[in-house]
Amino acid sequence: SGTQLVSMNSPAFESYGQVRAAGAATCRACGEKIANALNALLADPGRRFTLGKVAYVSWYTGVETIDLFEILRNPQPELVRQILLSPLTAKADSLSAETGELVTVALSANAARAVLREWDVVPVPVLVGRLRAYFKAHEVVGPWGEPATPIKLVALAAATARDLKDVPPSTSVAL
């Protein structure tokens, strides 16, 4: 409410004499639908993940197979082990879906305007591969050879700044 989705505040963003948001290719009804959809996604804890000053929302175009944000919020060792072993076994049925895509949007705010930081459309098998690469890259085996404890994304981001609120949007998007 009160946040502009489309705005232009500099002559560099104005084209063909169109001032303010008149140059945006979004009609009023479409803009309202976009705002309502984003508000619904942001209100749903299962569809929203906040990291520093960036809010992420996601949805599936097919059957939802992976609760991406829950895995990143609270990675369970057994599920991470399944993700890491999934190319080698057929046990991870929910991780082997081959249809559908995950759409993720990263948003932040700047002076009462929504800023679209990043968006991504990823086929589910690619998503599983990215999760595998993420957890494999941060795998640290215990001092006595015990299995690695998965690192939460928030903990990794917090390690880059003095306080989680100080994590720049570019860092959270890169992670």
Protein backbone atom coordinates (compact mmCIF):
# COMPACT_ATOMS: atom_id res chain seq x y z
CA SER A 1 0.00 0.00 0.00
CA GLY A 2 1.46 3.31 -1.05
CA THR A 3 4.48 1.70 -2.68
CA GLN A 4 5.02 2.57 -6.31
CA LEU A 5 5.70 -0.38 -8.58
CA VAL A 6 6.55 1.78 -11.58
CA SER A 7 8.16 5.18 -11.22
CA MET A 8 10.66 7.33 -13.03
CA ASN A 9 12.29 10.19 -11.17
CA SER A 10 14.97 11.28 -13.58
CA PRO A 11 14.99 12.43 -17.20
CA ALA A 12 17.21 9.44 -18.01
CA PHE A 13 14.22 7.15 -17.36
CA GLU A 14 11.79 9.14 -19.45
CA SER A 15 11.46 8.29 -23.11
CA TYR A 16 9.80 10.01 -26.03
CA GLY A 17 8.60 12.84 -23.83
CA GLN A 18 6.71 10.54 -21.46
CA VAL A 19 7.11 11.94 -17.94
CA ARG A 20 6.98 10.03 -14.65
CA ALA A 21 5.48 6.55 -15.19
CA ALA A 22 3.71 7.36 -18.46
CA GLY A 23 6.44 5.52 -20.38
CA ALA A 24 5.80 2.25 -18.52
CA ALA A 25 4.12 -0.49 -20.50
CA THR A 26 1.79 -1.45 -17.63
CA CYS A 27 -1.89 -0.53 -17.62
CA ARG A 28 -3.61 0.44 -14.38
CA ALA A 29 -5.61 -2.82 -14.13
CA CYS A 30 -2.46 -4.90 -14.78
CA GLY A 31 -0.49 -2.91 -12.20
CA GLU A 32 -3.25 -3.51 -9.65
CA LYS A 33 -3.19 -7.26 -10.37
CA ILE A 34 0.60 -7.33 -10.01
CA ALA A 35 0.43 -5.43 -6.70
CA ASN A 36 -2.32 -7.72 -5.35
CA ALA A 37 -0.38 -10.85 -6.35
CA LEU A 38 2.84 -9.55 -4.76
CA ASN A 39 0.98 -8.59 -1.57
CA ALA A 40 -0.55 -12.08 -1.37
CA LEU A 41 2.86 -13.71 -1.87
CA LEU A 42 4.50 -11.42 0.70
CA ALA A 43 1.74 -12.22 3.23
CA ASP A 44 2.27 -15.99 2.89
CA PRO A 45 5.20 -17.19 5.06
CA GLY A 46 5.57 -20.25 2.81
CA ARG A 47 6.08 -18.02 -0.22
CA ARG A 48 8.21 -15.32 1.42
CA PHE A 49 11.80 -15.33 2.63
CA THR A 50 13.51 -12.24 4.00
CA LEU A 51 17.27 -11.87 4.05
CA GLY A 52 18.62 -8.53 5.22
CA LYS A 53 16.77 -5.84 3.30
CA VAL A 54 15.60 -8.14 0.50
CA ALA A 55 12.29 -9.99 0.43
CA TYR A 56 12.03 -13.00 -1.85
CA VAL A 57 8.76 -14.45 -3.09
CA SER A 58 8.32 -17.58 -5.14
CA TRP A 59 5.73 -19.76 -6.83
CA TYR A 60 5.68 -22.87 -8.99
CA THR A 61 4.29 -23.09 -12.51
CA GLY A 62 3.67 -26.82 -12.08
CA VAL A 63 3.29 -29.11 -9.10
CA GLU A 64 5.12 -27.79 -6.04
CA THR A 65 7.80 -30.33 -5.19
CA ILE A 66 10.28 -28.53 -2.96
CA ASP A 67 9.73 -26.05 -0.15
CA LEU A 68 12.75 -24.00 -1.21
CA PHE A 69 12.54 -21.33 1.47
CA GLU A 70 12.11 -23.86 4.30
CA ILE A 71 15.20 -25.72 3.08
CA LEU A 72 17.19 -22.47 3.12
CA ARG A 73 15.69 -21.30 6.45
CA ASN A 74 16.09 -24.56 8.30
CA PRO A 75 18.05 -27.15 6.33
CA GLN A 76 17.38 -30.59 7.82
CA PRO A 77 20.47 -32.81 7.63
CA GLU A 78 18.55 -35.81 6.24
CA LEU A 79 16.90 -33.78 3.46
CA VAL A 80 20.22 -32.14 2.55
CA ARG A 81 21.79 -35.62 2.44
CA GLN A 82 19.00 -36.70 0.04
CA ILE A 83 19.63 -33.66 -2.12
CA LEU A 84 23.35 -34.39 -2.23
CA LEU A 85 22.76 -38.06 -3.06
CA SER A 86 19.76 -37.59 -5.37
CA PRO A 87 21.71 -38.05 -8.63
CA LEU A 88 23.00 -41.36 -7.27
CA THR A 89 19.77 -42.78 -5.80
CA ALA A 90 16.08 -42.91 -6.58
CA LYS A 91 15.08 -42.39 -2.94
CA ALA A 92 14.34 -38.69 -3.18
CA ASP A 93 11.03 -39.01 -5.05
CA SER A 94 9.96 -35.45 -4.26
CA LEU A 95 13.28 -34.13 -5.52
CA SER A 96 13.17 -35.90 -8.87
CA ALA A 97 10.25 -34.05 -10.46
CA GLU A 98 10.96 -33.19 -14.06
CA THR A 99 8.12 -30.80 -14.82
CA GLY A 100 7.34 -27.31 -13.71
CA GLU A 101 9.43 -24.32 -12.87
CA LEU A 102 10.09 -22.23 -9.81
CA VAL A 103 9.73 -18.48 -10.27
CA THR A 104 11.56 -16.35 -7.69
CA VAL A 105 11.51 -12.57 -7.37
CA ALA A 106 13.82 -10.53 -5.12
CA LEU A 107 12.39 -7.21 -3.92
CA SER A 108 13.63 -4.36 -1.78
CA ALA A 109 12.46 -0.81 -1.16
CA ASN A 110 13.85 2.61 -1.97
CA ALA A 111 12.00 5.79 -1.01
CA ALA A 112 8.45 4.33 -1.19
CA ARG A 113 9.25 2.42 -4.36
CA ALA A 114 9.54 -1.31 -4.83
CA VAL A 115 12.85 -2.30 -6.38
CA LEU A 116 13.00 -5.50 -8.38
CA ARG A 117 16.51 -6.76 -7.58
CA GLU A 118 16.42 -10.06 -9.42
CA TRP A 119 14.06 -12.62 -10.87
CA ASP A 120 14.67 -16.17 -11.91
CA VAL A 121 12.66 -18.90 -13.62
CA VAL A 122 14.23 -22.29 -12.99
CA PRO A 123 13.12 -25.77 -14.06
CA VAL A 124 12.77 -28.02 -11.00
CA PRO A 125 15.70 -30.31 -11.95
CA VAL A 126 17.97 -27.24 -12.25
CA LEU A 127 16.72 -26.02 -8.87
CA VAL A 128 17.69 -29.33 -7.26
CA GLY A 129 21.12 -29.06 -8.92
CA ARG A 130 21.59 -25.54 -7.56
CA LEU A 131 20.61 -26.66 -4.06
CA ARG A 132 23.05 -29.56 -4.35
CA ALA A 133 25.86 -27.20 -5.42
CA TYR A 134 25.02 -24.73 -2.62
CA PHE A 135 25.09 -27.33 0.16
CA LYS A 136 28.12 -29.13 -1.30
CA ALA A 137 30.09 -25.84 -1.44
CA HIS A 138 29.41 -25.16 2.25
CA GLU A 139 29.85 -28.69 3.53
CA VAL A 140 32.19 -28.79 6.52
CA VAL A 141 32.82 -32.18 8.10
CA GLY A 142 33.17 -32.23 11.89
CA PRO A 143 36.60 -32.55 13.56
CA TRP A 144 36.11 -36.29 14.20
CA GLY A 145 34.68 -37.03 10.76
CA GLU A 146 31.06 -36.57 11.75
CA PRO A 147 28.67 -35.62 8.95
CA ALA A 148 28.46 -31.98 8.00
CA THR A 149 25.77 -29.80 9.53
CA PRO A 150 24.02 -27.78 6.80
CA ILE A 151 24.58 -24.04 7.05
CA LYS A 152 21.48 -21.84 7.03
CA LEU A 153 21.47 -19.17 4.33
CA VAL A 154 20.76 -16.49 6.96
CA ALA A 155 23.85 -17.53 8.93
CA LEU A 156 25.99 -17.32 5.81
CA ALA A 157 24.63 -13.87 4.96
CA ALA A 158 25.06 -12.67 8.55
CA ALA A 159 28.73 -13.64 8.40
CA THR A 160 29.28 -10.99 5.72
CA ALA A 161 28.19 -8.00 7.83
CA ARG A 162 28.25 -6.75 11.38
CA ASP A 163 24.49 -7.18 11.66
CA LEU A 164 21.97 -8.98 9.46
CA LYS A 165 20.16 -5.71 8.77
CA ASP A 166 23.42 -4.36 7.32
CA VAL A 167 23.73 -7.09 4.67
CA PRO A 168 23.57 -5.19 1.35
CA PRO A 169 20.89 -6.30 -1.12
CA SER A 170 23.60 -7.26 -3.64
CA THR A 171 25.09 -9.75 -1.16
CA SER A 172 21.83 -11.50 -0.38
CA VAL A 173 20.92 -11.68 -4.06
CA ALA A 174 24.35 -13.15 -4.88
CA LEU A 175 24.02 -15.76 -2.14
